[in-house]
N, C-alpha and C. Protein backbone atom coordinates (compact mmCIF):
# COMPACT_ATOMS: atom_id res chain seq x y z
N MET A 1 -20.62 0.25 19.16
CA MET A 1 -19.27 0.66 19.47
C MET A 1 -19.10 0.63 20.99
N ALA A 2 -18.06 -0.01 21.46
CA ALA A 2 -17.82 -0.19 22.89
C ALA A 2 -17.19 1.07 23.47
N GLN A 3 -17.53 1.29 24.72
CA GLN A 3 -16.96 2.43 25.44
C GLN A 3 -15.52 2.11 25.82
N PRO A 4 -14.61 3.10 25.81
CA PRO A 4 -13.24 2.81 26.21
C PRO A 4 -13.18 2.28 27.64
N GLU A 5 -12.18 1.46 27.91
CA GLU A 5 -12.10 0.77 29.20
C GLU A 5 -11.95 1.73 30.37
N PHE A 6 -11.16 2.77 30.22
CA PHE A 6 -10.91 3.69 31.33
C PHE A 6 -11.29 5.11 30.95
N SER A 7 -12.56 5.35 30.70
CA SER A 7 -13.02 6.72 30.46
C SER A 7 -13.28 7.38 31.81
N VAL A 8 -13.46 8.68 31.79
CA VAL A 8 -13.70 9.42 33.02
C VAL A 8 -15.00 8.94 33.67
N GLN A 9 -16.00 8.64 32.86
CA GLN A 9 -17.28 8.19 33.39
C GLN A 9 -17.16 6.84 34.09
N THR A 10 -16.45 5.90 33.49
CA THR A 10 -16.34 4.58 34.12
C THR A 10 -15.47 4.64 35.38
N VAL A 11 -14.45 5.46 35.36
CA VAL A 11 -13.61 5.61 36.56
C VAL A 11 -14.39 6.30 37.67
N ALA A 12 -15.21 7.30 37.33
CA ALA A 12 -15.99 8.02 38.34
C ALA A 12 -17.07 7.14 38.96
N ARG A 13 -17.49 6.10 38.27
CA ARG A 13 -18.50 5.19 38.82
C ARG A 13 -17.90 4.18 39.80
N SER A 14 -16.62 4.00 39.77
CA SER A 14 -15.97 3.05 40.66
C SER A 14 -15.63 3.73 41.98
N SER A 15 -16.34 3.34 43.04
CA SER A 15 -16.10 3.97 44.33
C SER A 15 -14.71 3.63 44.87
N TRP A 16 -14.19 2.47 44.49
CA TRP A 16 -12.84 2.09 44.93
C TRP A 16 -11.80 3.05 44.37
N ILE A 17 -11.92 3.35 43.09
CA ILE A 17 -10.92 4.23 42.46
C ILE A 17 -11.07 5.66 42.97
N VAL A 18 -12.31 6.14 43.12
CA VAL A 18 -12.52 7.51 43.60
C VAL A 18 -11.97 7.64 45.03
N ALA A 19 -12.27 6.66 45.89
CA ALA A 19 -11.75 6.71 47.26
C ALA A 19 -10.22 6.65 47.25
N GLY A 20 -9.66 5.82 46.38
CA GLY A 20 -8.20 5.74 46.28
C GLY A 20 -7.57 7.04 45.85
N LEU A 21 -8.18 7.70 44.86
CA LEU A 21 -7.64 8.97 44.39
C LEU A 21 -7.73 10.05 45.46
N LEU A 22 -8.84 10.07 46.21
CA LEU A 22 -8.98 11.05 47.28
C LEU A 22 -7.95 10.83 48.38
N LEU A 23 -7.81 9.58 48.81
CA LEU A 23 -6.80 9.28 49.83
C LEU A 23 -5.39 9.58 49.35
N LEU A 24 -5.14 9.29 48.09
CA LEU A 24 -3.83 9.57 47.51
C LEU A 24 -3.54 11.07 47.52
N ALA A 25 -4.52 11.87 47.11
CA ALA A 25 -4.32 13.32 47.08
C ALA A 25 -4.12 13.89 48.48
N ILE A 26 -4.95 13.48 49.42
CA ILE A 26 -4.82 13.99 50.80
C ILE A 26 -3.51 13.51 51.41
N GLY A 27 -3.17 12.26 51.18
CA GLY A 27 -1.92 11.71 51.73
C GLY A 27 -0.69 12.42 51.18
N LEU A 28 -0.68 12.66 49.88
CA LEU A 28 0.47 13.36 49.29
C LEU A 28 0.57 14.79 49.82
N GLY A 29 -0.58 15.45 50.01
CA GLY A 29 -0.56 16.79 50.59
C GLY A 29 0.01 16.79 52.00
N ASP A 30 -0.40 15.82 52.80
CA ASP A 30 0.12 15.71 54.16
C ASP A 30 1.62 15.42 54.18
N VAL A 31 2.07 14.58 53.26
CA VAL A 31 3.50 14.25 53.20
C VAL A 31 4.31 15.50 52.83
N VAL A 32 3.84 16.25 51.87
CA VAL A 32 4.58 17.45 51.44
C VAL A 32 4.62 18.49 52.55
N VAL A 33 3.47 18.77 53.16
CA VAL A 33 3.43 19.77 54.24
C VAL A 33 4.23 19.29 55.44
N GLY A 34 4.05 18.03 55.81
CA GLY A 34 4.78 17.50 56.96
C GLY A 34 6.27 17.55 56.77
N ARG A 35 6.73 17.19 55.59
CA ARG A 35 8.19 17.19 55.33
C ARG A 35 8.77 18.60 55.38
N SER A 36 8.07 19.56 54.79
CA SER A 36 8.61 20.93 54.79
C SER A 36 8.62 21.52 56.21
N LYS A 37 7.57 21.27 56.98
CA LYS A 37 7.53 21.79 58.35
C LYS A 37 8.51 21.06 59.26
N LEU A 38 8.73 19.77 59.02
CA LEU A 38 9.73 19.04 59.81
C LEU A 38 11.10 19.68 59.64
N ALA A 39 11.45 20.00 58.42
CA ALA A 39 12.74 20.64 58.18
C ALA A 39 12.83 21.99 58.89
N GLN A 40 11.73 22.74 58.87
CA GLN A 40 11.71 24.05 59.51
C GLN A 40 11.92 23.94 61.02
N TYR A 41 11.19 23.05 61.68
CA TYR A 41 11.29 22.95 63.13
C TYR A 41 12.53 22.20 63.59
N GLU A 42 13.07 21.33 62.76
CA GLU A 42 14.36 20.72 63.10
C GLU A 42 15.46 21.77 63.09
N ALA A 43 15.36 22.73 62.17
CA ALA A 43 16.34 23.82 62.13
C ALA A 43 16.23 24.71 63.36
N VAL A 44 15.00 24.95 63.82
CA VAL A 44 14.81 25.77 65.02
C VAL A 44 15.42 25.07 66.23
N LEU A 45 15.20 23.76 66.35
CA LEU A 45 15.73 23.03 67.50
C LEU A 45 17.23 22.81 67.40
N ALA A 46 17.80 22.89 66.21
CA ALA A 46 19.24 22.70 66.05
C ALA A 46 20.03 23.92 66.54
N GLN A 47 19.36 25.05 66.66
CA GLN A 47 20.05 26.24 67.15
C GLN A 47 20.44 26.04 68.61
N GLU A 48 21.57 26.57 68.97
CA GLU A 48 22.10 26.44 70.33
C GLU A 48 21.23 27.24 71.29
N ALA A 49 20.78 26.62 72.34
CA ALA A 49 19.98 27.30 73.36
C ALA A 49 20.88 27.94 74.40
N GLU A 50 20.42 29.07 74.91
CA GLU A 50 21.19 29.74 75.96
C GLU A 50 21.10 28.91 77.23
N SER A 51 22.24 28.68 77.82
CA SER A 51 22.26 27.87 79.03
C SER A 51 22.44 28.78 80.24
N VAL A 52 21.36 28.95 80.99
CA VAL A 52 21.39 29.76 82.20
C VAL A 52 21.37 28.80 83.38
N PRO A 53 22.35 28.90 84.28
CA PRO A 53 22.35 27.97 85.42
C PRO A 53 21.12 28.19 86.30
N ARG A 54 20.55 27.09 86.74
CA ARG A 54 19.35 27.14 87.58
C ARG A 54 19.76 27.24 89.05
N ASP A 55 18.95 27.95 89.79
CA ASP A 55 19.14 28.05 91.23
C ASP A 55 18.45 26.84 91.87
N PRO A 56 19.21 25.92 92.46
CA PRO A 56 18.59 24.71 93.01
C PRO A 56 17.67 24.99 94.21
N ALA A 57 17.78 26.16 94.79
CA ALA A 57 16.97 26.48 95.96
C ALA A 57 15.55 26.89 95.57
N ARG A 58 15.34 27.28 94.33
CA ARG A 58 14.00 27.72 93.90
C ARG A 58 13.14 26.51 93.58
N LEU A 59 11.95 26.51 94.13
CA LEU A 59 11.04 25.40 93.91
C LEU A 59 10.41 25.44 92.51
N PHE A 60 9.98 26.61 92.09
CA PHE A 60 9.37 26.79 90.78
C PHE A 60 10.15 27.85 90.00
N PRO A 61 11.20 27.43 89.32
CA PRO A 61 11.99 28.42 88.57
C PRO A 61 11.21 28.95 87.36
N LYS A 62 11.48 30.19 87.02
CA LYS A 62 10.81 30.81 85.88
C LYS A 62 11.41 30.27 84.59
N VAL A 63 10.54 30.07 83.62
CA VAL A 63 10.96 29.58 82.31
C VAL A 63 11.24 30.79 81.43
N THR A 64 12.37 30.74 80.75
CA THR A 64 12.71 31.84 79.86
C THR A 64 11.91 31.72 78.57
N GLU A 65 11.87 32.80 77.83
CA GLU A 65 11.13 32.81 76.56
C GLU A 65 11.76 31.86 75.56
N ALA A 66 13.08 31.75 75.57
CA ALA A 66 13.76 30.84 74.64
C ALA A 66 13.41 29.39 74.95
N GLU A 67 13.34 29.05 76.23
CA GLU A 67 12.96 27.68 76.60
C GLU A 67 11.52 27.38 76.20
N GLU A 68 10.68 28.37 76.36
CA GLU A 68 9.27 28.21 75.98
C GLU A 68 9.13 28.01 74.47
N GLN A 69 9.88 28.78 73.70
CA GLN A 69 9.85 28.64 72.24
C GLN A 69 10.37 27.28 71.81
N ARG A 70 11.40 26.78 72.49
CA ARG A 70 11.93 25.45 72.15
C ARG A 70 10.91 24.36 72.50
N ALA A 71 10.18 24.53 73.58
CA ALA A 71 9.16 23.55 73.95
C ALA A 71 8.03 23.54 72.92
N VAL A 72 7.64 24.70 72.46
CA VAL A 72 6.61 24.79 71.41
C VAL A 72 7.13 24.17 70.12
N ALA A 73 8.39 24.43 69.79
CA ALA A 73 8.98 23.85 68.58
C ALA A 73 9.04 22.33 68.67
N ARG A 74 9.35 21.79 69.85
CA ARG A 74 9.36 20.33 70.03
C ARG A 74 7.96 19.74 69.84
N ALA A 75 6.95 20.43 70.38
CA ALA A 75 5.57 19.95 70.23
C ALA A 75 5.14 19.99 68.76
N LYS A 76 5.49 21.06 68.06
CA LYS A 76 5.13 21.16 66.64
C LYS A 76 5.90 20.14 65.82
N LEU A 77 7.13 19.86 66.21
CA LEU A 77 7.91 18.84 65.51
C LEU A 77 7.22 17.48 65.64
N GLY A 78 6.73 17.18 66.83
CA GLY A 78 6.01 15.93 67.04
C GLY A 78 4.74 15.86 66.21
N PHE A 79 3.99 16.97 66.15
CA PHE A 79 2.76 17.01 65.35
C PHE A 79 3.05 16.79 63.87
N TYR A 80 4.04 17.49 63.34
CA TYR A 80 4.33 17.35 61.91
C TYR A 80 4.96 16.00 61.59
N ASN A 81 5.63 15.39 62.56
CA ASN A 81 6.11 14.02 62.38
C ASN A 81 4.93 13.08 62.22
N LEU A 82 3.92 13.26 63.06
CA LEU A 82 2.70 12.45 62.97
C LEU A 82 1.97 12.71 61.66
N LEU A 83 1.89 13.96 61.24
CA LEU A 83 1.23 14.31 59.98
C LEU A 83 1.95 13.65 58.80
N PHE A 84 3.26 13.67 58.82
CA PHE A 84 4.04 13.05 57.75
C PHE A 84 3.79 11.54 57.71
N PHE A 85 3.78 10.90 58.87
CA PHE A 85 3.55 9.46 58.94
C PHE A 85 2.13 9.11 58.47
N ALA A 86 1.14 9.88 58.93
CA ALA A 86 -0.25 9.64 58.51
C ALA A 86 -0.39 9.85 57.01
N GLY A 87 0.30 10.82 56.46
CA GLY A 87 0.26 11.05 55.02
C GLY A 87 0.83 9.88 54.24
N GLN A 88 1.90 9.28 54.76
CA GLN A 88 2.46 8.11 54.09
C GLN A 88 1.47 6.94 54.11
N ILE A 89 0.80 6.75 55.24
CA ILE A 89 -0.17 5.65 55.34
C ILE A 89 -1.36 5.91 54.42
N MET A 90 -1.85 7.14 54.37
CA MET A 90 -2.98 7.46 53.49
C MET A 90 -2.60 7.31 52.02
N THR A 91 -1.37 7.68 51.68
CA THR A 91 -0.92 7.52 50.30
C THR A 91 -0.87 6.04 49.93
N LEU A 92 -0.34 5.23 50.81
CA LEU A 92 -0.30 3.79 50.56
C LEU A 92 -1.71 3.21 50.45
N ALA A 93 -2.60 3.61 51.34
CA ALA A 93 -3.99 3.11 51.29
C ALA A 93 -4.67 3.56 50.00
N GLY A 94 -4.40 4.78 49.56
CA GLY A 94 -4.97 5.26 48.31
C GLY A 94 -4.48 4.47 47.11
N LEU A 95 -3.20 4.14 47.10
CA LEU A 95 -2.67 3.32 46.02
C LEU A 95 -3.30 1.94 46.00
N VAL A 96 -3.44 1.34 47.19
CA VAL A 96 -4.04 0.00 47.27
C VAL A 96 -5.49 0.04 46.81
N LEU A 97 -6.26 1.03 47.27
CA LEU A 97 -7.66 1.13 46.85
C LEU A 97 -7.78 1.36 45.35
N GLY A 98 -6.91 2.19 44.80
CA GLY A 98 -6.93 2.44 43.36
C GLY A 98 -6.62 1.18 42.57
N ILE A 99 -5.65 0.43 43.01
CA ILE A 99 -5.29 -0.82 42.31
C ILE A 99 -6.43 -1.83 42.40
N VAL A 100 -7.03 -1.94 43.58
CA VAL A 100 -8.17 -2.85 43.73
C VAL A 100 -9.31 -2.43 42.81
N GLY A 101 -9.56 -1.13 42.72
CA GLY A 101 -10.63 -0.63 41.85
C GLY A 101 -10.37 -0.93 40.39
N VAL A 102 -9.13 -0.75 39.95
CA VAL A 102 -8.78 -1.04 38.55
C VAL A 102 -8.93 -2.53 38.26
N VAL A 103 -8.47 -3.37 39.17
CA VAL A 103 -8.59 -4.82 38.98
C VAL A 103 -10.06 -5.22 38.91
N ARG A 104 -10.88 -4.68 39.81
CA ARG A 104 -12.31 -5.01 39.80
C ARG A 104 -12.98 -4.54 38.51
N MET A 105 -12.60 -3.36 38.04
CA MET A 105 -13.19 -2.83 36.81
C MET A 105 -12.81 -3.69 35.61
N ARG A 106 -11.55 -4.09 35.54
CA ARG A 106 -11.12 -4.93 34.42
C ARG A 106 -11.78 -6.30 34.48
N ARG A 107 -11.92 -6.84 35.69
CA ARG A 107 -12.57 -8.14 35.84
C ARG A 107 -14.04 -8.05 35.42
N ARG A 108 -14.71 -6.96 35.82
CA ARG A 108 -16.11 -6.77 35.45
C ARG A 108 -16.25 -6.65 33.93
N ARG A 109 -15.33 -5.92 33.29
CA ARG A 109 -15.35 -5.79 31.83
C ARG A 109 -15.16 -7.15 31.17
N GLY A 110 -14.26 -7.94 31.73
CA GLY A 110 -14.02 -9.28 31.17
C GLY A 110 -15.23 -10.17 31.33
N ASP A 111 -15.90 -10.08 32.50
CA ASP A 111 -17.11 -10.88 32.72
C ASP A 111 -18.23 -10.46 31.77
N GLU A 112 -18.35 -9.15 31.51
CA GLU A 112 -19.37 -8.67 30.58
C GLU A 112 -19.08 -9.13 29.16
N ALA A 113 -17.80 -9.15 28.81
CA ALA A 113 -17.44 -9.61 27.46
C ALA A 113 -17.73 -11.10 27.28
N VAL A 114 -17.45 -11.88 28.30
CA VAL A 114 -17.72 -13.32 28.23
C VAL A 114 -19.23 -13.57 28.17
N ALA A 115 -20.01 -12.85 29.00
CA ALA A 115 -21.46 -13.01 28.99
C ALA A 115 -22.05 -12.57 27.65
N GLY A 116 -21.50 -11.52 27.05
CA GLY A 116 -21.97 -11.06 25.74
C GLY A 116 -21.65 -12.06 24.65
N ALA A 117 -20.52 -12.72 24.74
CA ALA A 117 -20.13 -13.70 23.73
C ALA A 117 -21.01 -14.96 23.84
N ARG A 118 -21.41 -15.32 25.04
CA ARG A 118 -22.26 -16.50 25.24
C ARG A 118 -23.69 -16.27 24.73
N SER A 119 -24.14 -15.04 24.85
CA SER A 119 -25.52 -14.76 24.45
C SER A 119 -25.68 -14.68 22.93
N ARG A 120 -24.62 -14.57 22.21
CA ARG A 120 -24.69 -14.48 20.74
C ARG A 120 -24.85 -15.77 20.11
């Protein structure tokens, strides 16, 4: 009796499929976290900032707490934008690796079937 084509054991033996599934899971996690945090920090930056006129005579003007928080929010927005983009790339790479693994597994099964038929 032949083993089913896509059992857990045969899929776990294919390094292509395992690597694809891992990249897919990590990539999807990054996309979800990145997207939710992007929305959060875009909302923070969308708030109107207090505009205090600067004294042009001061060489090193003091930064207000609101300006500092906006600078931190801009930096975090950039980080989560990068995380979202990297998650998309990892998800795509995981899909490609998984597809390559499935094709290789099916081709190997076909080669084994042909070799078995010739030996009979």
